[in-house]
Amino acid sequence: MDAREFFQLIVEPNYYEFYRAQNSIRLLWNAIVSMNTAPEFLVLDRQKYRLDLLREEIEREAQKIREELGLIELQYCANTFKHVRKIPSRRSFEFTASSTGVDPIDQATWVLDGHDLVQVAHDSFAKLSKAVQKLKPAQ
């Protein structure tokens, strides 16, 4: 599956399912987490799907793409969803963002450390859509 296929087969359906049922935390989770994987696919596309890429290279380049496209907020939210808590590297009096505070019923709680999850999903989808439209069609 190439980057365009991943976007069309995974990200778009996940996002549009959420878009149609914006009261579903499950669909929001699926949309955010799948969108956060898209930069890795974009790295592979830019590198012409080279098989010799190291995991560290993919991660480094995906981070550059996230910065370039303005997807850092998406990454923060996806990682907090996936790992339940975003724990600072140094234990201190810093705030720990946690998806355990997200109530599936109360949409007013759909915020992680000031990031409105619904808005993050909409903004990130728009940014990724533009990036994927610029990809050359598969040969």
C-alpha atoms as a PDB file:
ATOM      1  CA  MET A   1       0.000   0.000   0.000  1.00  0.00           C
ATOM      2  CA  ASP A   2       1.498   3.339  -1.004  1.00  0.00           C
ATOM      3  CA  ALA A   3       0.884   6.724   0.634  1.00  0.00           C
ATOM      4  CA  ARG A   4      -2.047   7.629  -1.605  1.00  0.00           C
ATOM      5  CA  GLU A   5      -3.697   4.241  -1.046  1.00  0.00           C
ATOM      6  CA  PHE A   6      -3.195   4.491   2.719  1.00  0.00           C
ATOM      7  CA  PHE A   7      -4.851   7.884   2.717  1.00  0.00           C
ATOM      8  CA  GLN A   8      -7.744   6.783   0.489  1.00  0.00           C
ATOM      9  CA  LEU A   9      -8.342   3.367   2.078  1.00  0.00           C
ATOM     10  CA  ILE A  10      -7.650   4.077   5.748  1.00  0.00           C
ATOM     11  CA  VAL A  11      -7.483   7.775   6.616  1.00  0.00           C
ATOM     12  CA  GLU A  12     -10.358   9.086   4.491  1.00  0.00           C
ATOM     13  CA  PRO A  13     -12.872   6.414   5.559  1.00  0.00           C
ATOM     14  CA  ASN A  14     -11.900   6.849   9.217  1.00  0.00           C
ATOM     15  CA  TYR A  15     -12.230  10.614   9.000  1.00  0.00           C
ATOM     16  CA  TYR A  16     -15.533  10.597   7.086  1.00  0.00           C
ATOM     17  CA  GLU A  17     -17.046   8.037   9.459  1.00  0.00           C
ATOM     18  CA  PHE A  18     -16.187  10.384  12.300  1.00  0.00           C
ATOM     19  CA  TYR A  19     -17.411  13.413  10.336  1.00  0.00           C
ATOM     20  CA  ARG A  20     -20.829  11.758   9.958  1.00  0.00           C
ATOM     21  CA  ALA A  21     -20.996  10.719  13.638  1.00  0.00           C
ATOM     22  CA  GLN A  22     -19.102  13.382  15.552  1.00  0.00           C
ATOM     23  CA  ASN A  23     -20.381  12.101  18.870  1.00  0.00           C
ATOM     24  CA  SER A  24     -18.298   8.905  18.682  1.00  0.00           C
ATOM     25  CA  ILE A  25     -15.024   8.904  20.580  1.00  0.00           C
ATOM     26  CA  ARG A  26     -14.123   5.590  18.897  1.00  0.00           C
ATOM     27  CA  LEU A  27     -14.402   7.115  15.442  1.00  0.00           C
ATOM     28  CA  LEU A  28     -12.495  10.216  16.543  1.00  0.00           C
ATOM     29  CA  TRP A  29      -9.723   7.998  17.981  1.00  0.00           C
ATOM     30  CA  ASN A  30      -9.518   6.023  14.724  1.00  0.00           C
ATOM     31  CA  ALA A  31      -9.336   9.191  12.637  1.00  0.00           C
ATOM     32  CA  ILE A  32      -6.641  10.859  14.744  1.00  0.00           C
ATOM     33  CA  VAL A  33      -4.436   7.795  15.127  1.00  0.00           C
ATOM     34  CA  SER A  34      -4.620   6.829  11.446  1.00  0.00           C
ATOM     35  CA  MET A  35      -3.888  10.410  10.342  1.00  0.00           C
ATOM     36  CA  ASN A  36      -0.809  10.442  12.548  1.00  0.00           C
ATOM     37  CA  THR A  37       0.578   7.467  10.597  1.00  0.00           C
ATOM     38  CA  ALA A  38       0.260   9.277   7.251  1.00  0.00           C
ATOM     39  CA  PRO A  39       3.560  11.210   7.593  1.00  0.00           C
ATOM     40  CA  GLU A  40       5.438   7.892   7.709  1.00  0.00           C
ATOM     41  CA  PHE A  41       3.800   6.887   4.441  1.00  0.00           C
ATOM     42  CA  LEU A  42       4.733  10.282   2.998  1.00  0.00           C
ATOM     43  CA  VAL A  43       8.362   9.639   3.974  1.00  0.00           C
ATOM     44  CA  LEU A  44       8.315   6.329   2.144  1.00  0.00           C
ATOM     45  CA  ASP A  45       6.777   7.982  -0.902  1.00  0.00           C
ATOM     46  CA  ARG A  46       9.452  10.710  -0.920  1.00  0.00           C
ATOM     47  CA  GLN A  47      12.128   8.021  -0.593  1.00  0.00           C
ATOM     48  CA  LYS A  48      10.566   6.007  -3.445  1.00  0.00           C
ATOM     49  CA  TYR A  49       9.807   3.118  -1.070  1.00  0.00           C
ATOM     50  CA  ARG A  50      13.458   2.251  -0.545  1.00  0.00           C
ATOM     51  CA  LEU A  51      13.832  -0.964   1.416  1.00  0.00           C
ATOM     52  CA  ASP A  52      17.059   0.068   3.124  1.00  0.00           C
ATOM     53  CA  LEU A  53      15.558   2.894   5.207  1.00  0.00           C
ATOM     54  CA  LEU A  54      16.246   2.589   8.906  1.00  0.00           C
ATOM     55  CA  ARG A  55      13.462   3.044  11.447  1.00  0.00           C
ATOM     56  CA  GLU A  56      15.301   6.075  12.854  1.00  0.00           C
ATOM     57  CA  GLU A  57      15.427   7.694   9.400  1.00  0.00           C
ATOM     58  CA  ILE A  58      11.712   7.190   8.892  1.00  0.00           C
ATOM     59  CA  GLU A  59      10.927   8.630  12.321  1.00  0.00           C
ATOM     60  CA  ARG A  60      13.220  11.636  11.804  1.00  0.00           C
ATOM     61  CA  GLU A  61      11.817  12.406   8.348  1.00  0.00           C
ATOM     62  CA  ALA A  62       8.220  11.857   9.502  1.00  0.00           C
ATOM     63  CA  GLN A  63       8.826  14.386  12.254  1.00  0.00           C
ATOM     64  CA  LYS A  64      10.084  16.876   9.652  1.00  0.00           C
ATOM     65  CA  ILE A  65       6.904  16.307   7.616  1.00  0.00           C
ATOM     66  CA  ARG A  66       4.746  16.818  10.718  1.00  0.00           C
ATOM     67  CA  GLU A  67       6.518  20.116  11.332  1.00  0.00           C
ATOM     68  CA  GLU A  68       6.301  21.116   7.665  1.00  0.00           C
ATOM     69  CA  LEU A  69       2.552  20.390   7.486  1.00  0.00           C
ATOM     70  CA  GLY A  70       1.711  21.699  10.956  1.00  0.00           C
ATOM     71  CA  LEU A  71       0.764  18.307  12.394  1.00  0.00           C
ATOM     72  CA  ILE A  72       2.570  18.483  15.751  1.00  0.00           C
ATOM     73  CA  GLU A  73      -0.746  18.931  17.580  1.00  0.00           C
ATOM     74  CA  LEU A  74      -2.082  15.836  15.794  1.00  0.00           C
ATOM     75  CA  GLN A  75       0.962  13.835  16.861  1.00  0.00           C
ATOM     76  CA  TYR A  76       0.574  14.959  20.471  1.00  0.00           C
ATOM     77  CA  CYS A  77      -3.087  13.913  20.556  1.00  0.00           C
ATOM     78  CA  ALA A  78      -2.508  10.606  18.745  1.00  0.00           C
ATOM     79  CA  ASN A  79       0.339   9.656  21.057  1.00  0.00           C
ATOM     80  CA  THR A  80      -1.718  10.547  24.113  1.00  0.00           C
ATOM     81  CA  PHE A  81      -4.580   8.396  22.810  1.00  0.00           C
ATOM     82  CA  LYS A  82      -2.287   5.480  21.949  1.00  0.00           C
ATOM     83  CA  HIS A  83      -0.228   5.546  25.125  1.00  0.00           C
ATOM     84  CA  VAL A  84      -3.050   6.721  27.431  1.00  0.00           C
ATOM     85  CA  ARG A  85      -0.854   9.382  29.025  1.00  0.00           C
ATOM     86  CA  LYS A  86       1.612  11.952  27.778  1.00  0.00           C
ATOM     87  CA  ILE A  87       4.123  11.895  30.620  1.00  0.00           C
ATOM     88  CA  PRO A  88       6.870  14.535  30.690  1.00  0.00           C
ATOM     89  CA  SER A  89      10.398  13.140  30.500  1.00  0.00           C
ATOM     90  CA  ARG A  90      11.250  14.638  33.888  1.00  0.00           C
ATOM     91  CA  ARG A  91       8.952  13.901  36.763  1.00  0.00           C
ATOM     92  CA  SER A  92       8.126  17.238  38.326  1.00  0.00           C
ATOM     93  CA  PHE A  93       5.078  19.341  38.893  1.00  0.00           C
ATOM     94  CA  GLU A  94       4.335  19.421  35.149  1.00  0.00           C
ATOM     95  CA  PHE A  95       0.873  18.561  33.890  1.00  0.00           C
ATOM     96  CA  THR A  96       0.385  15.040  32.559  1.00  0.00           C
ATOM     97  CA  ALA A  97      -2.108  14.868  29.713  1.00  0.00           C
ATOM     98  CA  SER A  98      -4.221  11.734  29.840  1.00  0.00           C
ATOM     99  CA  SER A  99      -6.866  10.275  27.598  1.00  0.00           C
ATOM    100  CA  THR A 100      -8.471   8.812  30.740  1.00  0.00           C
ATOM    101  CA  GLY A 101      -9.974  12.269  31.283  1.00  0.00           C
ATOM    102  CA  VAL A 102     -11.851  12.037  27.979  1.00  0.00           C
ATOM    103  CA  ASP A 103     -15.431  11.032  28.738  1.00  0.00           C
ATOM    104  CA  PRO A 104     -16.952   9.177  25.766  1.00  0.00           C
ATOM    105  CA  ILE A 105     -20.343  10.806  26.426  1.00  0.00           C
ATOM    106  CA  ASP A 106     -19.368  14.352  27.438  1.00  0.00           C
ATOM    107  CA  GLN A 107     -17.869  16.096  24.410  1.00  0.00           C
ATOM    108  CA  ALA A 108     -16.834  19.026  26.583  1.00  0.00           C
ATOM    109  CA  THR A 109     -14.044  16.731  27.866  1.00  0.00           C
ATOM    110  CA  TRP A 110     -12.693  15.962  24.394  1.00  0.00           C
ATOM    111  CA  VAL A 111      -9.650  18.126  25.017  1.00  0.00           C
ATOM    112  CA  LEU A 112      -6.077  17.022  25.717  1.00  0.00           C
ATOM    113  CA  ASP A 113      -3.838  19.597  27.351  1.00  0.00           C
ATOM    114  CA  GLY A 114      -5.740  22.422  25.643  1.00  0.00           C
ATOM    115  CA  HIS A 115      -6.005  20.672  22.260  1.00  0.00           C
ATOM    116  CA  ASP A 116      -9.609  20.346  21.063  1.00  0.00           C
ATOM    117  CA  LEU A 117      -9.626  16.823  19.616  1.00  0.00           C
ATOM    118  CA  VAL A 118     -12.434  17.456  17.141  1.00  0.00           C
ATOM    119  CA  GLN A 119     -10.749  20.576  15.778  1.00  0.00           C
ATOM    120  CA  VAL A 120      -7.406  18.748  15.585  1.00  0.00           C
ATOM    121  CA  ALA A 121      -9.075  16.037  13.479  1.00  0.00           C
ATOM    122  CA  HIS A 122     -10.673  18.529  11.072  1.00  0.00           C
ATOM    123  CA  ASP A 123      -7.566  20.706  10.705  1.00  0.00           C
ATOM    124  CA  SER A 124      -5.222  17.743  10.273  1.00  0.00           C
ATOM    125  CA  PHE A 125      -7.417  16.094   7.668  1.00  0.00           C
ATOM    126  CA  ALA A 126      -7.438  19.284   5.599  1.00  0.00           C
ATOM    127  CA  LYS A 127      -3.640  19.567   5.780  1.00  0.00           C
ATOM    128  CA  LEU A 128      -3.065  15.913   4.905  1.00  0.00           C
ATOM    129  CA  SER A 129      -5.561  16.072   2.029  1.00  0.00           C
ATOM    130  CA  LYS A 130      -3.565  18.877   0.434  1.00  0.00           C
ATOM    131  CA  ALA A 131      -0.296  16.987   0.885  1.00  0.00           C
ATOM    132  CA  VAL A 132      -1.678  13.776  -0.620  1.00  0.00           C
ATOM    133  CA  GLN A 133      -3.168  15.639  -3.602  1.00  0.00           C
ATOM    134  CA  LYS A 134       0.373  16.716  -4.489  1.00  0.00           C
ATOM    135  CA  LEU A 135       1.612  13.109  -4.712  1.00  0.00           C
ATOM    136  CA  LYS A 136       2.276  11.744  -8.147  1.00  0.00           C
ATOM    137  CA  PRO A 137      -0.223   9.040  -9.140  1.00  0.00           C
ATOM    138  CA  ALA A 138       1.042   5.476  -8.903  1.00  0.00           C
ATOM    139  CA  GLN A 139       2.434   4.176 -12.173  1.00  0.00           C
END
